[in-house]
PDB file of N, CA and C in Angstrom:
ATOM      1  N   MET A   1      96.660  19.276 159.545  1.00  0.00           N
ATOM      2  CA  MET A   1      95.406  19.559 159.148  1.00  0.00           C
ATOM      3  C   MET A   1      95.042  21.406 159.545  1.00  0.00           C
ATOM      4  N   ARG A   2      95.207  22.541 159.096  1.00  0.00           N
ATOM      5  CA  ARG A   2      94.756  23.607 159.295  1.00  0.00           C
ATOM      6  C   ARG A   2      93.890  24.277 159.181  1.00  0.00           C
ATOM      7  N   GLU A   3      92.336  24.856 159.897  1.00  0.00           N
ATOM      8  CA  GLU A   3      91.311  25.728 159.239  1.00  0.00           C
ATOM      9  C   GLU A   3      91.488  26.783 158.917  1.00  0.00           C
ATOM     10  N   ILE A   4      91.021  27.183 157.680  1.00  0.00           N
ATOM     11  CA  ILE A   4      90.563  28.562 157.567  1.00  0.00           C
ATOM     12  C   ILE A   4      89.439  29.067 157.561  1.00  0.00           C
ATOM     13  N   LYS A   5      89.438  29.811 158.340  1.00  0.00           N
ATOM     14  CA  LYS A   5      87.953  30.413 158.928  1.00  0.00           C
ATOM     15  C   LYS A   5      87.702  31.910 157.830  1.00  0.00           C
ATOM     16  N   THR A   6      87.885  32.520 156.719  1.00  0.00           N
ATOM     17  CA  THR A   6      88.454  33.442 156.172  1.00  0.00           C
ATOM     18  C   THR A   6      87.173  34.134 155.799  1.00  0.00           C
ATOM     19  N   HIS A   7      86.051  32.614 155.253  1.00  0.00           N
ATOM     20  CA  HIS A   7      84.670  32.825 154.579  1.00  0.00           C
ATOM     21  C   HIS A   7      84.151  32.602 155.566  1.00  0.00           C
ATOM     22  N   GLN A   8      84.134  32.798 156.861  1.00  0.00           N
ATOM     23  CA  GLN A   8      83.307  33.003 157.276  1.00  0.00           C
ATOM     24  C   GLN A   8      82.140  34.243 158.048  1.00  0.00           C
ATOM     25  N   ASN A   9      81.563  34.769 156.862  1.00  0.00           N
ATOM     26  CA  ASN A   9      81.054  35.861 157.153  1.00  0.00           C
ATOM     27  C   ASN A   9      79.395  35.811 157.600  1.00  0.00           C
ATOM     28  N   SER A  10      78.598  34.548 157.971  1.00  0.00           N
ATOM     29  CA  SER A  10      77.171  34.630 158.163  1.00  0.00           C
ATOM     30  C   SER A  10      77.614  33.183 158.992  1.00  0.00           C
ATOM     31  N   GLU A  11      76.276  33.175 159.467  1.00  0.00           N
ATOM     32  CA  GLU A  11      75.726  32.048 160.935  1.00  0.00           C
ATOM     33  C   GLU A  11      76.028  30.681 159.308  1.00  0.00           C
ATOM     34  N   PHE A  12      75.392  30.476 158.571  1.00  0.00           N
ATOM     35  CA  PHE A  12      75.586  29.386 157.984  1.00  0.00           C
ATOM     36  C   PHE A  12      76.839  29.027 157.650  1.00  0.00           C
ATOM     37  N   THR A  13      77.562  29.985 156.690  1.00  0.00           N
ATOM     38  CA  THR A  13      79.262  29.276 156.918  1.00  0.00           C
ATOM     39  C   THR A  13      79.825  29.265 158.051  1.00  0.00           C
ATOM     40  N   ARG A  14      79.505  29.891 159.006  1.00  0.00           N
ATOM     41  CA  ARG A  14      80.322  29.216 160.431  1.00  0.00           C
ATOM     42  C   ARG A  14      79.856  28.035 160.865  1.00  0.00           C
ATOM     43  N   ASP A  15      78.474  27.847 160.974  1.00  0.00           N
ATOM     44  CA  ASP A  15      78.018  25.899 160.996  1.00  0.00           C
ATOM     45  C   ASP A  15      78.022  25.067 159.959  1.00  0.00           C
ATOM     46  N   HIS A  16      78.365  25.433 158.810  1.00  0.00           N
ATOM     47  CA  HIS A  16      78.282  24.628 157.584  1.00  0.00           C
ATOM     48  C   HIS A  16      79.229  24.283 156.812  1.00  0.00           C
ATOM     49  N   ILE A  17      80.067  25.155 156.550  1.00  0.00           N
ATOM     50  CA  ILE A  17      81.054  25.313 155.617  1.00  0.00           C
ATOM     51  C   ILE A  17      82.532  24.978 156.223  1.00  0.00           C
ATOM     52  N   ARG A  18      83.004  24.512 156.402  1.00  0.00           N
ATOM     53  CA  ARG A  18      84.264  24.416 156.560  1.00  0.00           C
ATOM     54  C   ARG A  18      85.503  23.956 156.171  1.00  0.00           C
ATOM     55  N   VAL A  19      86.543  24.745 155.931  1.00  0.00           N
ATOM     56  CA  VAL A  19      87.571  24.898 155.009  1.00  0.00           C
ATOM     57  C   VAL A  19      89.062  24.628 155.277  1.00  0.00           C
ATOM     58  N   TYR A  20      89.546  23.757 154.833  1.00  0.00           N
ATOM     59  CA  TYR A  20      91.387  23.330 155.812  1.00  0.00           C
ATOM     60  C   TYR A  20      91.978  23.333 154.643  1.00  0.00           C
ATOM     61  N   ALA A  21      93.698  23.693 154.918  1.00  0.00           N
ATOM     62  CA  ALA A  21      94.780  23.434 154.420  1.00  0.00           C
ATOM     63  C   ALA A  21      94.909  22.102 154.835  1.00  0.00           C
ATOM     64  N   VAL A  22      95.189  21.127 154.189  1.00  0.00           N
ATOM     65  CA  VAL A  22      95.359  19.629 154.634  1.00  0.00           C
ATOM     66  C   VAL A  22      96.804  19.300 154.800  1.00  0.00           C
ATOM     67  N   ASP A  23      97.894  19.944 153.379  1.00  0.00           N
ATOM     68  CA  ASP A  23      99.344  19.662 153.611  1.00  0.00           C
ATOM     69  C   ASP A  23      99.768  20.685 154.452  1.00  0.00           C
ATOM     70  N   GLU A  24     101.166  20.623 154.346  1.00  0.00           N
ATOM     71  CA  GLU A  24     102.256  21.599 154.830  1.00  0.00           C
ATOM     72  C   GLU A  24     102.509  22.566 153.742  1.00  0.00           C
ATOM     73  N   PRO A  25     102.955  23.930 154.128  1.00  0.00           N
ATOM     74  CA  PRO A  25     103.544  24.838 153.125  1.00  0.00           C
ATOM     75  C   PRO A  25     104.955  23.946 152.196  1.00  0.00           C
ATOM     76  N   GLY A  26     104.675  24.051 150.884  1.00  0.00           N
ATOM     77  CA  GLY A  26     105.980  23.471 150.178  1.00  0.00           C
ATOM     78  C   GLY A  26     106.789  25.142 149.935  1.00  0.00           C
ATOM     79  N   ALA A  27     107.535  24.347 148.780  1.00  0.00           N
ATOM     80  CA  ALA A  27     108.343  26.071 148.070  1.00  0.00           C
ATOM     81  C   ALA A  27     107.715  26.798 147.693  1.00  0.00           C
ATOM     82  N   GLY A  28     107.736  28.175 147.477  1.00  0.00           N
ATOM     83  CA  GLY A  28     106.855  29.319 147.836  1.00  0.00           C
ATOM     84  C   GLY A  28     106.622  29.458 149.065  1.00  0.00           C
ATOM     85  N   GLY A  29     106.582  28.524 150.218  1.00  0.00           N
ATOM     86  CA  GLY A  29     105.804  28.745 150.770  1.00  0.00           C
ATOM     87  C   GLY A  29     103.773  28.636 151.323  1.00  0.00           C
ATOM     88  N   ALA A  30     103.605  28.053 149.947  1.00  0.00           N
ATOM     89  CA  ALA A  30     101.678  27.696 150.282  1.00  0.00           C
ATOM     90  C   ALA A  30     101.735  26.381 150.374  1.00  0.00           C
ATOM     91  N   CYS A  31     100.735  26.143 150.510  1.00  0.00           N
ATOM     92  CA  CYS A  31      99.931  24.717 150.423  1.00  0.00           C
ATOM     93  C   CYS A  31      99.386  24.130 149.175  1.00  0.00           C
ATOM     94  N   HIS A  32      99.042  22.707 148.973  1.00  0.00           N
ATOM     95  CA  HIS A  32      98.745  22.461 147.782  1.00  0.00           C
ATOM     96  C   HIS A  32      97.400  21.836 147.865  1.00  0.00           C
ATOM     97  N   GLU A  33      97.340  21.177 148.868  1.00  0.00           N
ATOM     98  CA  GLU A  33      95.653  20.462 149.121  1.00  0.00           C
ATOM     99  C   GLU A  33      95.409  20.786 150.052  1.00  0.00           C
ATOM    100  N   TYR A  34      93.602  21.127 149.936  1.00  0.00           N
ATOM    101  CA  TYR A  34      92.943  21.682 150.489  1.00  0.00           C
ATOM    102  C   TYR A  34      91.678  20.858 150.511  1.00  0.00           C
ATOM    103  N   GLN A  35      90.714  21.122 151.438  1.00  0.00           N
ATOM    104  CA  GLN A  35      89.429  20.322 151.623  1.00  0.00           C
ATOM    105  C   GLN A  35      88.622  21.220 152.186  1.00  0.00           C
ATOM    106  N   VAL A  36      87.585  21.124 151.365  1.00  0.00           N
ATOM    107  CA  VAL A  36      85.811  21.682 152.059  1.00  0.00           C
ATOM    108  C   VAL A  36      84.742  20.597 152.272  1.00  0.00           C
ATOM    109  N   ASP A  37      84.605  20.644 153.616  1.00  0.00           N
ATOM    110  CA  ASP A  37      83.506  19.868 154.306  1.00  0.00           C
ATOM    111  C   ASP A  37      82.008  21.232 153.913  1.00  0.00           C
ATOM    112  N   ALA A  38      81.282  20.358 153.791  1.00  0.00           N
ATOM    113  CA  ALA A  38      79.494  20.971 153.959  1.00  0.00           C
ATOM    114  C   ALA A  38      79.039  19.724 155.176  1.00  0.00           C
ATOM    115  N   VAL A  39      78.544  20.434 156.049  1.00  0.00           N
ATOM    116  CA  VAL A  39      78.136  20.181 157.050  1.00  0.00           C
ATOM    117  C   VAL A  39      76.812  20.536 157.319  1.00  0.00           C
ATOM    118  N   PRO A  40      75.505  19.113 157.208  1.00  0.00           N
ATOM    119  CA  PRO A  40      74.557  19.234 157.305  1.00  0.00           C
ATOM    120  C   PRO A  40      73.827  19.711 158.548  1.00  0.00           C
ATOM    121  N   THR A  41      72.981  20.351 158.441  1.00  0.00           N
ATOM    122  CA  THR A  41      72.023  20.551 159.825  1.00  0.00           C
ATOM    123  C   THR A  41      71.728  19.545 160.178  1.00  0.00           C
ATOM    124  N   PRO A  42      71.401  19.414 161.248  1.00  0.00           N
ATOM    125  CA  PRO A  42      71.034  17.933 162.465  1.00  0.00           C
ATOM    126  C   PRO A  42      69.545  17.672 162.302  1.00  0.00           C
ATOM    127  N   GLY A  43      69.065  16.628 161.630  1.00  0.00           N
ATOM    128  CA  GLY A  43      67.525  16.440 161.296  1.00  0.00           C
ATOM    129  C   GLY A  43      67.115  16.785 159.727  1.00  0.00           C
ATOM    130  N   THR A  44      68.591  17.751 159.263  1.00  0.00           N
ATOM    131  CA  THR A  44      67.986  18.197 157.566  1.00  0.00           C
ATOM    132  C   THR A  44      67.578  16.615 156.551  1.00  0.00           C
ATOM    133  N   GLN A  45      66.920  16.268 155.604  1.00  0.00           N
ATOM    134  CA  GLN A  45      66.213  15.822 154.853  1.00  0.00           C
ATOM    135  C   GLN A  45      67.031  16.264 153.890  1.00  0.00           C
ATOM    136  N   ASN A  46      67.450  14.946 152.994  1.00  0.00           N
ATOM    137  CA  ASN A  46      67.912  14.735 151.551  1.00  0.00           C
ATOM    138  C   ASN A  46      69.222  15.893 151.635  1.00  0.00           C
ATOM    139  N   PHE A  47      69.843  16.236 152.492  1.00  0.00           N
ATOM    140  CA  PHE A  47      71.122  16.663 152.467  1.00  0.00           C
ATOM    141  C   PHE A  47      72.691  15.871 153.174  1.00  0.00           C
ATOM    142  N   ILE A  48      73.351  15.661 152.462  1.00  0.00           N
ATOM    143  CA  ILE A  48      74.429  14.942 153.290  1.00  0.00           C
ATOM    144  C   ILE A  48      75.257  15.624 153.186  1.00  0.00           C
ATOM    145  N   ALA A  49      76.434  15.395 154.153  1.00  0.00           N
ATOM    146  CA  ALA A  49      77.868  15.867 154.153  1.00  0.00           C
ATOM    147  C   ALA A  49      78.603  15.704 152.853  1.00  0.00           C
ATOM    148  N   LEU A  50      79.236  16.428 153.165  1.00  0.00           N
ATOM    149  CA  LEU A  50      79.907  16.699 151.241  1.00  0.00           C
ATOM    150  C   LEU A  50      81.450  16.571 151.761  1.00  0.00           C
ATOM    151  N   THR A  51      82.551  16.128 151.372  1.00  0.00           N
ATOM    152  CA  THR A  51      83.766  16.806 151.495  1.00  0.00           C
ATOM    153  C   THR A  51      84.462  17.077 149.963  1.00  0.00           C
ATOM    154  N   THR A  52      84.512  18.377 149.714  1.00  0.00           N
ATOM    155  CA  THR A  52      85.328  18.351 148.163  1.00  0.00           C
ATOM    156  C   THR A  52      87.000  18.400 148.474  1.00  0.00           C
ATOM    157  N   ALA A  53      88.122  17.675 147.674  1.00  0.00           N
ATOM    158  CA  ALA A  53      89.237  17.676 147.496  1.00  0.00           C
ATOM    159  C   ALA A  53      89.446  19.182 146.439  1.00  0.00           C
ATOM    160  N   ILE A  54      90.822  19.772 147.177  1.00  0.00           N
ATOM    161  CA  ILE A  54      90.839  20.527 145.811  1.00  0.00           C
ATOM    162  C   ILE A  54      92.435  20.623 145.688  1.00  0.00           C
ATOM    163  N   ASN A  55      93.035  20.111 144.945  1.00  0.00           N
ATOM    164  CA  ASN A  55      94.657  19.855 144.620  1.00  0.00           C
ATOM    165  C   ASN A  55      95.206  21.053 143.567  1.00  0.00           C
ATOM    166  N   PHE A  56      95.772  21.835 144.147  1.00  0.00           N
ATOM    167  CA  PHE A  56      96.773  22.900 143.125  1.00  0.00           C
ATOM    168  C   PHE A  56      97.922  21.908 142.718  1.00  0.00           C
ATOM    169  N   GLN A  57      98.691  22.489 141.754  1.00  0.00           N
ATOM    170  CA  GLN A  57      99.640  22.207 141.002  1.00  0.00           C
ATOM    171  C   GLN A  57     100.565  22.457 141.980  1.00  0.00           C
ATOM    172  N   HIS A  58     101.730  21.113 142.394  1.00  0.00           N
ATOM    173  CA  HIS A  58     102.997  21.465 143.112  1.00  0.00           C
ATOM    174  C   HIS A  58     104.288  20.836 142.052  1.00  0.00           C
ATOM    175  N   GLY A  59     104.358  22.260 142.128  1.00  0.00           N
ATOM    176  CA  GLY A  59     106.042  22.187 141.213  1.00  0.00           C
ATOM    177  C   GLY A  59     105.689  22.830 139.935  1.00  0.00           C
ATOM    178  N   PRO A  60     106.568  23.328 139.668  1.00  0.00           N
ATOM    179  CA  PRO A  60     106.706  24.022 138.487  1.00  0.00           C
ATOM    180  C   PRO A  60     106.615  23.202 137.208  1.00  0.00           C
ATOM    181  N   LEU A  61     105.682  23.770 135.786  1.00  0.00           N
ATOM    182  CA  LEU A  61     105.123  22.846 134.834  1.00  0.00           C
ATOM    183  C   LEU A  61     106.596  22.621 133.914  1.00  0.00           C
ATOM    184  N   LYS A  62     107.439  23.073 134.070  1.00  0.00           N
ATOM    185  CA  LYS A  62     108.860  22.855 133.006  1.00  0.00           C
ATOM    186  C   LYS A  62     109.683  21.275 133.917  1.00  0.00           C
ATOM    187  N   GLU A  63     109.155  21.217 135.169  1.00  0.00           N
ATOM    188  CA  GLU A  63     109.847  20.356 136.062  1.00  0.00           C
ATOM    189  C   GLU A  63     108.717  18.910 136.636  1.00  0.00           C
ATOM    190  N   THR A  64     107.820  19.593 136.537  1.00  0.00           N
ATOM    191  CA  THR A  64     106.735  19.023 137.446  1.00  0.00           C
ATOM    192  C   THR A  64     105.873  18.407 136.389  1.00  0.00           C
ATOM    193  N   PRO A  65     105.097  16.771 135.976  1.00  0.00           N
ATOM    194  CA  PRO A  65     103.781  16.286 135.158  1.00  0.00           C
ATOM    195  C   PRO A  65     103.131  17.512 136.084  1.00  0.00           C
ATOM    196  N   VAL A  66     102.018  18.138 135.287  1.00  0.00           N
ATOM    197  CA  VAL A  66     100.584  18.476 135.847  1.00  0.00           C
ATOM    198  C   VAL A  66     100.304  17.545 136.964  1.00  0.00           C
ATOM    199  N   ASN A  67      99.673  17.961 138.061  1.00  0.00           N
ATOM    200  CA  ASN A  67      99.218  16.895 139.168  1.00  0.00           C
ATOM    201  C   ASN A  67      98.067  18.534 139.863  1.00  0.00           C
ATOM    202  N   GLY A  68      97.753  19.201 139.776  1.00  0.00           N
ATOM    203  CA  GLY A  68      97.021  20.097 140.035  1.00  0.00           C
ATOM    204  C   GLY A  68      96.162  21.037 139.178  1.00  0.00           C
ATOM    205  N   ILE A  69      95.432  22.162 140.009  1.00  0.00           N
ATOM    206  CA  ILE A  69      94.980  23.066 139.756  1.00  0.00           C
ATOM    207  C   ILE A  69      95.574  24.195 139.708  1.00  0.00           C
ATOM    208  N   THR A  70      95.741  25.791 138.725  1.00  0.00           N
ATOM    209  CA  THR A  70      96.130  26.489 139.301  1.00  0.00           C
ATOM    210  C   THR A  70      95.442  27.652 139.773  1.00  0.00           C
ATOM    211  N   ASP A  71      96.182  28.475 140.513  1.00  0.00           N
ATOM    212  CA  ASP A  71      95.592  29.505 141.197  1.00  0.00           C
ATOM    213  C   ASP A  71      94.102  30.047 139.944  1.00  0.00           C
ATOM    214  N   GLU A  72      94.547  30.135 138.880  1.00  0.00           N
ATOM    215  CA  GLU A  72      93.957  31.158 137.587  1.00  0.00           C
ATOM    216  C   GLU A  72      92.624  30.403 137.704  1.00  0.00           C
ATOM    217  N   ALA A  73      93.118  29.023 137.595  1.00  0.00           N
ATOM    218  CA  ALA A  73      91.932  28.044 137.445  1.00  0.00           C
ATOM    219  C   ALA A  73      90.559  28.408 138.399  1.00  0.00           C
ATOM    220  N   LEU A  74      91.167  28.400 139.613  1.00  0.00           N
ATOM    221  CA  LEU A  74      90.029  28.483 140.995  1.00  0.00           C
ATOM    222  C   LEU A  74      89.687  29.821 140.384  1.00  0.00           C
ATOM    223  N   LEU A  75      90.072  31.388 140.140  1.00  0.00           N
ATOM    224  CA  LEU A  75      89.245  32.174 140.197  1.00  0.00           C
ATOM    225  C   LEU A  75      88.699  32.259 139.083  1.00  0.00           C
ATOM    226  N   ALA A  76      89.251  31.369 137.843  1.00  0.00           N
ATOM    227  CA  ALA A  76      88.328  32.028 136.809  1.00  0.00           C
ATOM    228  C   ALA A  76      87.047  31.229 137.243  1.00  0.00           C
ATOM    229  N   VAL A  77      86.465  30.096 137.955  1.00  0.00           N
ATOM    230  CA  VAL A  77      85.524  29.626 138.268  1.00  0.00           C
ATOM    231  C   VAL A  77      84.426  30.248 138.906  1.00  0.00           C
ATOM    232  N   VAL A  78      84.913  31.275 140.456  1.00  0.00           N
ATOM    233  CA  VAL A  78      84.330  32.263 140.865  1.00  0.00           C
ATOM    234  C   VAL A  78      84.343  32.779 139.884  1.00  0.00           C
ATOM    235  N   GLU A  79      84.936  33.444 139.446  1.00  0.00           N
ATOM    236  CA  GLU A  79      84.615  34.873 138.410  1.00  0.00           C
ATOM    237  C   GLU A  79      83.267  34.567 137.220  1.00  0.00           C
ATOM    238  N   ASP A  80      82.890  33.220 137.027  1.00  0.00           N
ATOM    239  CA  ASP A  80      82.447  32.838 136.276  1.00  0.00           C
ATOM    240  C   ASP A  80      80.918  32.972 136.967  1.00  0.00           C
ATOM    241  N   ARG A  81      80.654  32.441 138.108  1.00  0.00           N
ATOM    242  CA  ARG A  81      79.435  32.131 139.118  1.00  0.00           C
ATOM    243  C   ARG A  81      79.157  33.643 139.695  1.00  0.00           C
ATOM    244  N   LEU A  82      80.178  34.516 140.060  1.00  0.00           N
ATOM    245  CA  LEU A  82      80.050  35.757 140.465  1.00  0.00           C
ATOM    246  C   LEU A  82      79.643  36.914 139.352  1.00  0.00           C
ATOM    247  N   SER A  83      79.711  36.455 137.768  1.00  0.00           N
ATOM    248  CA  SER A  83      79.617  37.121 136.723  1.00  0.00           C
ATOM    249  C   SER A  83      78.189  36.815 136.431  1.00  0.00           C
ATOM    250  N   ALA A  84      77.607  35.443 136.702  1.00  0.00           N
ATOM    251  CA  ALA A  84      76.342  35.095 136.867  1.00  0.00           C
ATOM    252  C   ALA A  84      75.058  35.488 137.657  1.00  0.00           C
ATOM    253  N   PHE A  85      75.710  35.979 138.901  1.00  0.00           N
ATOM    254  CA  PHE A  85      74.839  36.552 139.596  1.00  0.00           C
ATOM    255  C   PHE A  85      74.788  37.839 139.452  1.00  0.00           C
ATOM    256  N   CYS A  86      75.868  38.759 138.746  1.00  0.00           N
ATOM    257  CA  CYS A  86      75.424  39.723 138.689  1.00  0.00           C
ATOM    258  C   CYS A  86      74.240  40.228 137.202  1.00  0.00           C
ATOM    259  N   GLU A  87      74.091  39.149 136.465  1.00  0.00           N
ATOM    260  CA  GLU A  87      73.103  39.234 135.594  1.00  0.00           C
ATOM    261  C   GLU A  87      71.720  38.862 136.047  1.00  0.00           C
ATOM    262  N   GLY A  88      71.783  37.805 137.218  1.00  0.00           N
ATOM    263  CA  GLY A  88      70.715  37.054 137.627  1.00  0.00           C
ATOM    264  C   GLY A  88      69.753  37.998 138.351  1.00  0.00           C
ATOM    265  N   GLU A  89      68.746  37.064 138.459  1.00  0.00           N
ATOM    266  CA  GLU A  89      67.529  37.920 139.490  1.00  0.00           C
ATOM    267  C   GLU A  89      68.036  38.840 140.603  1.00  0.00           C
ATOM    268  N   PHE A  90      68.917  38.625 141.330  1.00  0.00           N
ATOM    269  CA  PHE A  90      69.425  39.114 142.489  1.00  0.00           C
ATOM    270  C   PHE A  90      70.564  40.156 142.702  1.00  0.00           C
ATOM    271  N   PRO A  91      70.938  40.940 141.659  1.00  0.00           N
ATOM    272  CA  PRO A  91      72.595  41.412 141.532  1.00  0.00           C
ATOM    273  C   PRO A  91      72.558  42.687 142.160  1.00  0.00           C
ATOM    274  N   SER A  92      73.886  42.521 142.648  1.00  0.00           N
ATOM    275  CA  SER A  92      73.940  43.754 144.167  1.00  0.00           C
ATOM    276  C   SER A  92      75.632  44.331 143.474  1.00  0.00           C
ATOM    277  N   ALA A  93      75.484  45.600 144.164  1.00  0.00           N
ATOM    278  CA  ALA A  93      76.410  46.157 143.632  1.00  0.00           C
ATOM    279  C   ALA A  93      77.932  45.770 144.572  1.00  0.00           C
ATOM    280  N   GLU A  94      77.381  44.316 145.599  1.00  0.00           N
ATOM    281  CA  GLU A  94      79.174  43.739 146.252  1.00  0.00           C
ATOM    282  C   GLU A  94      79.166  43.225 145.558  1.00  0.00           C
ATOM    283  N   THR A  95      78.003  42.079 144.620  1.00  0.00           N
ATOM    284  CA  THR A  95      78.583  41.077 143.849  1.00  0.00           C
ATOM    285  C   THR A  95      79.566  41.681 142.655  1.00  0.00           C
ATOM    286  N   LYS A  96      79.162  42.851 142.155  1.00  0.00           N
ATOM    287  CA  LYS A  96      80.037  43.612 141.139  1.00  0.00           C
ATOM    288  C   LYS A  96      81.367  43.519 141.151  1.00  0.00           C
ATOM    289  N   GLU A  97      81.549  44.271 142.565  1.00  0.00           N
ATOM    290  CA  GLU A  97      82.634  44.444 143.552  1.00  0.00           C
ATOM    291  C   GLU A  97      83.510  43.317 142.936  1.00  0.00           C
ATOM    292  N   ALA A  98      82.980  42.277 144.183  1.00  0.00           N
ATOM    293  CA  ALA A  98      83.668  40.903 144.085  1.00  0.00           C
ATOM    294  C   ALA A  98      84.179  40.415 142.764  1.00  0.00           C
ATOM    295  N   ARG A  99      83.442  40.327 142.035  1.00  0.00           N
ATOM    296  CA  ARG A  99      83.611  40.417 140.432  1.00  0.00           C
ATOM    297  C   ARG A  99      84.846  40.939 140.183  1.00  0.00           C
ATOM    298  N   ASP A 100      84.942  42.183 140.441  1.00  0.00           N
ATOM    299  CA  ASP A 100      85.781  42.996 139.480  1.00  0.00           C
ATOM    300  C   ASP A 100      86.872  42.919 140.065  1.00  0.00           C
ATOM    301  N   HIS A 101      87.003  42.264 141.437  1.00  0.00           N
ATOM    302  CA  HIS A 101      88.408  42.383 142.218  1.00  0.00           C
ATOM    303  C   HIS A 101      88.678  40.739 141.525  1.00  0.00           C
ATOM    304  N   ILE A 102      88.215  39.727 141.467  1.00  0.00           N
ATOM    305  CA  ILE A 102      88.004  38.683 140.723  1.00  0.00           C
ATOM    306  C   ILE A 102      89.173  38.719 139.626  1.00  0.00           C
ATOM    307  N   ARG A 103      88.739  39.572 138.887  1.00  0.00           N
ATOM    308  CA  ARG A 103      89.340  39.682 137.493  1.00  0.00           C
ATOM    309  C   ARG A 103      90.260  40.691 137.608  1.00  0.00           C
ATOM    310  N   LEU A 104      90.324  41.532 138.469  1.00  0.00           N
ATOM    311  CA  LEU A 104      91.727  42.142 139.145  1.00  0.00           C
ATOM    312  C   LEU A 104      93.103  41.325 139.079  1.00  0.00           C
ATOM    313  N   ALA A 105      92.617  40.370 140.157  1.00  0.00           N
ATOM    314  CA  ALA A 105      93.590  39.346 140.663  1.00  0.00           C
ATOM    315  C   ALA A 105      93.983  38.461 139.316  1.00  0.00           C
ATOM    316  N   LEU A 106      93.136  38.369 138.568  1.00  0.00           N
ATOM    317  CA  LEU A 106      93.338  37.318 137.482  1.00  0.00           C
ATOM    318  C   LEU A 106      94.530  38.263 136.485  1.00  0.00           C
ATOM    319  N   GLU A 107      93.673  39.310 136.328  1.00  0.00           N
ATOM    320  CA  GLU A 107      94.969  40.084 135.171  1.00  0.00           C
ATOM    321  C   GLU A 107      95.951  40.119 135.973  1.00  0.00           C
ATOM    322  N   GLN A 108      96.536  40.372 137.582  1.00  0.00           N
ATOM    323  CA  GLN A 108      97.915  40.501 138.193  1.00  0.00           C
ATOM    324  C   GLN A 108      98.491  39.385 137.820  1.00  0.00           C
ATOM    325  N   LEU A 109      97.891  37.919 137.604  1.00  0.00           N
ATOM    326  CA  LEU A 109      98.491  36.792 137.913  1.00  0.00           C
ATOM    327  C   LEU A 109      98.800  36.532 136.553  1.00  0.00           C
ATOM    328  N   ALA A 110      97.719  37.137 135.194  1.00  0.00           N
ATOM    329  CA  ALA A 110      98.330  36.809 134.159  1.00  0.00           C
ATOM    330  C   ALA A 110      99.963  38.204 133.605  1.00  0.00           C
ATOM    331  N   LYS A 111      99.597  39.110 134.443  1.00  0.00           N
ATOM    332  CA  LYS A 111     100.857  40.206 134.113  1.00  0.00           C
ATOM    333  C   LYS A 111     101.761  39.502 134.928  1.00  0.00           C
ATOM    334  N   ARG A 112     101.862  38.825 136.035  1.00  0.00           N
ATOM    335  CA  ARG A 112     103.575  38.057 136.594  1.00  0.00           C
ATOM    336  C   ARG A 112     103.638  37.174 135.781  1.00  0.00           C
ATOM    337  N   GLN A 113     103.046  36.064 135.260  1.00  0.00           N
ATOM    338  CA  GLN A 113     102.877  35.563 134.219  1.00  0.00           C
ATOM    339  C   GLN A 113     103.910  35.825 132.869  1.00  0.00           C
ATOM    340  N   ARG A 114     103.544  37.031 131.841  1.00  0.00           N
ATOM    341  CA  ARG A 114     104.234  37.340 131.195  1.00  0.00           C
ATOM    342  C   ARG A 114     105.403  37.861 131.395  1.00  0.00           C
ATOM    343  N   ASP A 115     105.246  38.323 132.792  1.00  0.00           N
ATOM    344  CA  ASP A 115     107.296  38.894 133.338  1.00  0.00           C
ATOM    345  C   ASP A 115     107.774  37.246 133.311  1.00  0.00           C
ATOM    346  N   ARG A 116     107.294  36.875 133.769  1.00  0.00           N
ATOM    347  CA  ARG A 116     108.092  35.555 134.215  1.00  0.00           C
ATOM    348  C   ARG A 116     108.633  34.882 132.992  1.00  0.00           C
ATOM    349  N   SER A 117     107.925  34.682 131.813  1.00  0.00           N
ATOM    350  CA  SER A 117     108.061  34.595 130.579  1.00  0.00           C
ATOM    351  C   SER A 117     108.923  35.283 129.949  1.00  0.00           C
ATOM    352  N   GLU A 118     108.790  36.480 129.773  1.00  0.00           N
ATOM    353  CA  GLU A 118     109.971  37.076 129.140  1.00  0.00           C
ATOM    354  C   GLU A 118     111.387  37.599 130.246  1.00  0.00           C
ATOM    355  N   ARG A 119     111.178  36.990 130.858  1.00  0.00           N
ATOM    356  CA  ARG A 119     112.914  36.327 131.818  1.00  0.00           C
ATOM    357  C   ARG A 119     113.324  34.926 131.608  1.00  0.00           C
ATOM    358  N   GLY A 120     112.435  34.355 131.041  1.00  0.00           N
ATOM    359  CA  GLY A 120     112.854  32.842 130.412  1.00  0.00           C
ATOM    360  C   GLY A 120     112.589  32.006 132.445  1.00  0.00           C
ATOM    361  N   VAL A 121     111.654  32.162 132.859  1.00  0.00           N
ATOM    362  CA  VAL A 121     111.744  31.498 134.419  1.00  0.00           C
ATOM    363  C   VAL A 121     110.778  30.673 134.017  1.00  0.00           C
ATOM    364  N   ALA A 122     109.605  31.397 133.385  1.00  0.00           N
ATOM    365  CA  ALA A 122     108.104  30.821 133.918  1.00  0.00           C
ATOM    366  C   ALA A 122     108.088  29.091 133.638  1.00  0.00           C
ATOM    367  N   GLY A 123     107.877  28.127 134.895  1.00  0.00           N
ATOM    368  CA  GLY A 123     107.625  27.305 134.785  1.00  0.00           C
ATOM    369  C   GLY A 123     109.189  26.481 135.093  1.00  0.00           C
ATOM    370  N   LYS A 124     109.554  27.298 136.169  1.00  0.00           N
ATOM    371  CA  LYS A 124     110.832  26.863 136.564  1.00  0.00           C
ATOM    372  C   LYS A 124     111.144  27.490 138.370  1.00  0.00           C
ATOM    373  N   SER A 125     111.436  26.582 138.738  1.00  0.00           N
ATOM    374  CA  SER A 125     112.094  26.860 140.071  1.00  0.00           C
ATOM    375  C   SER A 125     112.912  27.961 140.036  1.00  0.00           C
ATOM    376  N   GLU A 126     112.631  28.905 139.531  1.00  0.00           N
ATOM    377  CA  GLU A 126     113.440  30.350 139.478  1.00  0.00           C
ATOM    378  C   GLU A 126     112.976  31.509 140.239  1.00  0.00           C
ATOM    379  N   LYS A 127     113.814  32.528 140.590  1.00  0.00           N
ATOM    380  CA  LYS A 127     113.057  33.918 140.834  1.00  0.00           C
ATOM    381  C   LYS A 127     112.862  35.065 139.178  1.00  0.00           C
TER     382      LYS A 127
END
């Protein structure tokens, strides 16, 4: 298990949110299983440790049954949350910019998918 620390931008995230890549990289070089742990502050009432598993699709869809989520699905969740924050009580330019970058990431992944579809390699273990 490999710890990921790129989310640690505050004392809270350093002390209370742990992210791990659980499995070894597969075909294409990416891991497929992640774990996120929320660690309570000692003595905190009504807050228990929470572990969330995130499992990504392992294998191309035309060769492997659906067995996890896509990058696009996870980005869509983050984009939805950031959009809500942009419209909420405490909007910020930084949150809007982060949301816009997530939207750009989704657009680029859609462009890649269109390209792969046009070349007839979408959902296959081919370049």
